[in-house]
């Protein structure tokens, strides 16, 4: 979903270039890597339930309604 929606949103709705899509996908991948490397250390400090609730809350608060 990220790959397809990103291309549609960045190029279609925002009218940006292909290089902007590449930068967006790179940032998304970099963020995923940071989370994948950081979660094991966080799980040593807090329970998995607390971490999942915090992640869900953060994800929900950063979402926005669709464009259009």
C-alpha atoms as a PDB file:
ATOM      1  CA  UNK A   1       0.000   0.000   0.000  1.00  0.00           C
ATOM      2  CA  UNK A   2       2.801   2.429   0.740  1.00  0.00           C
ATOM      3  CA  UNK A   3       4.397   2.088  -2.689  1.00  0.00           C
ATOM      4  CA  UNK A   4       1.199   2.433  -4.733  1.00  0.00           C
ATOM      5  CA  UNK A   5      -0.396   5.159  -2.623  1.00  0.00           C
ATOM      6  CA  UNK A   6       2.831   7.161  -2.391  1.00  0.00           C
ATOM      7  CA  UNK A   7       3.205   7.370  -6.157  1.00  0.00           C
ATOM      8  CA  UNK A   8      -0.425   8.377  -6.611  1.00  0.00           C
ATOM      9  CA  UNK A   9      -0.333  10.986  -3.845  1.00  0.00           C
ATOM     10  CA  UNK A  10       3.044  12.530  -4.631  1.00  0.00           C
ATOM     11  CA  UNK A  11       2.847  12.586  -8.424  1.00  0.00           C
ATOM     12  CA  UNK A  12      -0.888  12.783  -9.015  1.00  0.00           C
ATOM     13  CA  UNK A  13      -2.336  14.860  -6.200  1.00  0.00           C
ATOM     14  CA  UNK A  14       0.700  16.970  -5.294  1.00  0.00           C
ATOM     15  CA  UNK A  15       2.135  17.239  -8.819  1.00  0.00           C
ATOM     16  CA  UNK A  16       5.696  16.441  -7.702  1.00  0.00           C
ATOM     17  CA  UNK A  17       8.522  14.718  -9.595  1.00  0.00           C
ATOM     18  CA  UNK A  18       9.721  11.108  -9.562  1.00  0.00           C
ATOM     19  CA  UNK A  19      12.727  12.144  -7.472  1.00  0.00           C
ATOM     20  CA  UNK A  20      10.345  13.281  -4.737  1.00  0.00           C
ATOM     21  CA  UNK A  21       8.736   9.832  -4.762  1.00  0.00           C
ATOM     22  CA  UNK A  22      12.183   8.274  -4.390  1.00  0.00           C
ATOM     23  CA  UNK A  23      13.007  10.548  -1.442  1.00  0.00           C
ATOM     24  CA  UNK A  24       9.682   9.745   0.213  1.00  0.00           C
ATOM     25  CA  UNK A  25      10.186   5.992  -0.172  1.00  0.00           C
ATOM     26  CA  UNK A  26      13.756   6.309   1.131  1.00  0.00           C
ATOM     27  CA  UNK A  27      12.554   8.177   4.207  1.00  0.00           C
ATOM     28  CA  UNK A  28       9.854   5.569   4.784  1.00  0.00           C
ATOM     29  CA  UNK A  29      12.391   2.757   4.512  1.00  0.00           C
ATOM     30  CA  UNK A  30      14.849   4.537   6.796  1.00  0.00           C
ATOM     31  CA  UNK A  31      12.161   5.047   9.424  1.00  0.00           C
ATOM     32  CA  UNK A  32      11.216   1.390   9.204  1.00  0.00           C
ATOM     33  CA  UNK A  33      14.846   0.406   9.760  1.00  0.00           C
ATOM     34  CA  UNK A  34      15.144   2.679  12.801  1.00  0.00           C
ATOM     35  CA  UNK A  35      12.035   1.159  14.341  1.00  0.00           C
ATOM     36  CA  UNK A  36      13.156  -2.396  13.550  1.00  0.00           C
ATOM     37  CA  UNK A  37      16.509  -1.784  15.210  1.00  0.00           C
ATOM     38  CA  UNK A  38      15.102   0.136  18.172  1.00  0.00           C
ATOM     39  CA  UNK A  39      12.155  -2.042  19.206  1.00  0.00           C
ATOM     40  CA  UNK A  40      14.219  -4.856  20.764  1.00  0.00           C
ATOM     41  CA  UNK A  41      15.907  -2.368  23.089  1.00  0.00           C
ATOM     42  CA  UNK A  42      12.579  -0.781  23.965  1.00  0.00           C
ATOM     43  CA  UNK A  43      11.129  -4.202  24.770  1.00  0.00           C
ATOM     44  CA  UNK A  44      13.885  -4.680  27.348  1.00  0.00           C
ATOM     45  CA  UNK A  45      12.607  -1.573  29.134  1.00  0.00           C
ATOM     46  CA  UNK A  46       8.806  -1.841  28.758  1.00  0.00           C
ATOM     47  CA  UNK A  47       6.268  -4.604  28.179  1.00  0.00           C
ATOM     48  CA  UNK A  48       5.141  -5.463  24.682  1.00  0.00           C
ATOM     49  CA  UNK A  49       1.584  -4.344  25.479  1.00  0.00           C
ATOM     50  CA  UNK A  50       2.721  -0.853  26.501  1.00  0.00           C
ATOM     51  CA  UNK A  51       4.881  -0.533  23.400  1.00  0.00           C
ATOM     52  CA  UNK A  52       2.081  -1.658  21.075  1.00  0.00           C
ATOM     53  CA  UNK A  53      -0.426   0.722  22.679  1.00  0.00           C
ATOM     54  CA  UNK A  54       2.033   3.609  22.383  1.00  0.00           C
ATOM     55  CA  UNK A  55       2.719   2.771  18.733  1.00  0.00           C
ATOM     56  CA  UNK A  56      -0.985   2.506  17.958  1.00  0.00           C
ATOM     57  CA  UNK A  57      -1.678   5.831  19.640  1.00  0.00           C
ATOM     58  CA  UNK A  58       1.149   7.517  17.752  1.00  0.00           C
ATOM     59  CA  UNK A  59       0.000   6.011  14.469  1.00  0.00           C
ATOM     60  CA  UNK A  60      -3.590   7.103  15.038  1.00  0.00           C
ATOM     61  CA  UNK A  61      -2.662  10.633  16.045  1.00  0.00           C
ATOM     62  CA  UNK A  62      -0.480  11.131  12.972  1.00  0.00           C
ATOM     63  CA  UNK A  63      -3.066   9.929  10.449  1.00  0.00           C
ATOM     64  CA  UNK A  64      -5.002  12.387   8.388  1.00  0.00           C
ATOM     65  CA  UNK A  65      -8.149  12.242   6.260  1.00  0.00           C
ATOM     66  CA  UNK A  66      -7.643  11.390   2.587  1.00  0.00           C
ATOM     67  CA  UNK A  67      -7.021  14.137   0.068  1.00  0.00           C
ATOM     68  CA  UNK A  68      -9.838  15.131  -2.190  1.00  0.00           C
END
